[in-house]
Amino acid sequence: MIYVCRNCGHVLFVFRRGQDSYGPRMPSEIRAQFAGRCPRCGHELGVPGPEDIEIKPRRAPPEAWRK
């Protein structure tokens, strides 16, 4: 799961499966971490809507997922 700035595309946070026991961070946590602004462009970070969510297939074959 990757959080990016809607304005400039700066990667704000990357979550990889198994990274920690709490799971991925909520958008509000990412927003609070950066005081509500993108550190690169200063654009206000909003709450993502359904149109902002993209689901893409993994690039690696399923055998590599288990590693």
Protein backbone atom coordinates (compact mmCIF):
# COMPACT_ATOMS: atom_id res chain seq x y z
CA MET A 1 0.00 0.00 0.00
CA ILE A 2 1.45 3.34 -1.04
CA TYR A 3 0.24 6.79 0.01
CA VAL A 4 1.17 9.58 -2.42
CA CYS A 5 0.46 13.30 -2.62
CA ARG A 6 -2.44 13.97 -4.97
CA ASN A 7 -0.77 17.14 -6.21
CA CYS A 8 2.89 16.25 -6.88
CA GLY A 9 3.00 12.45 -6.55
CA HIS A 10 5.50 12.47 -3.67
CA VAL A 11 5.49 9.10 -1.85
CA LEU A 12 4.40 9.78 1.73
CA PHE A 13 4.32 6.24 3.09
CA VAL A 14 4.82 2.67 1.86
CA PHE A 15 3.38 -0.32 3.72
CA ARG A 16 4.63 -3.78 2.91
CA ARG A 17 2.81 -6.88 4.08
CA GLY A 18 4.30 -8.11 7.35
CA GLN A 19 5.93 -4.74 8.07
CA ASP A 20 4.40 -4.50 11.54
CA SER A 21 1.68 -6.10 13.62
CA TYR A 22 -0.67 -3.09 13.46
CA GLY A 23 -1.26 -3.24 9.71
CA PRO A 24 -1.34 -0.32 7.29
CA ARG A 25 -1.79 3.20 8.62
CA MET A 26 -5.05 5.02 8.13
CA PRO A 27 -5.10 8.12 5.89
CA SER A 28 -5.73 10.28 8.97
CA GLU A 29 -2.53 8.94 10.57
CA ILE A 30 -0.48 9.79 7.48
CA ARG A 31 -2.03 13.24 7.40
CA ALA A 32 -1.22 13.83 11.08
CA GLN A 33 2.36 12.60 10.59
CA PHE A 34 2.96 15.39 8.05
CA ALA A 35 0.88 18.08 9.83
CA GLY A 36 -1.70 17.96 7.03
CA ARG A 37 0.69 19.12 4.28
CA CYS A 38 2.85 17.41 1.69
CA PRO A 39 6.50 17.87 2.70
CA ARG A 40 7.52 18.38 -0.93
CA CYS A 41 4.94 20.78 -2.38
CA GLY A 42 3.02 22.00 0.70
CA HIS A 43 -0.35 20.95 -0.75
CA GLU A 44 -2.99 20.16 1.87
CA LEU A 45 -3.43 16.41 2.35
CA GLY A 46 -7.05 15.39 2.14
CA VAL A 47 -8.95 12.22 2.87
CA PRO A 48 -8.96 9.90 -0.15
CA GLY A 49 -12.25 9.09 -1.80
CA PRO A 50 -13.14 5.99 -3.82
CA GLU A 51 -11.89 7.68 -7.00
CA ASP A 52 -8.42 8.09 -5.44
CA ILE A 53 -7.89 4.41 -4.71
CA GLU A 54 -6.07 2.37 -7.35
CA ILE A 55 -5.69 -1.38 -7.15
CA LYS A 56 -2.83 -2.74 -9.20
CA PRO A 57 -1.58 -6.31 -9.58
CA ARG A 58 1.74 -7.27 -8.06
CA ARG A 59 4.62 -7.36 -10.49
CA ALA A 60 6.21 -10.50 -9.03
CA PRO A 61 4.81 -13.96 -9.71
CA PRO A 62 2.83 -15.61 -6.86
CA GLU A 63 5.77 -17.86 -5.93
CA ALA A 64 7.81 -14.79 -4.96
CA TRP A 65 5.06 -13.47 -2.67
CA ARG A 66 5.79 -16.12 -0.07
CA LYS A 67 9.44 -15.13 0.37
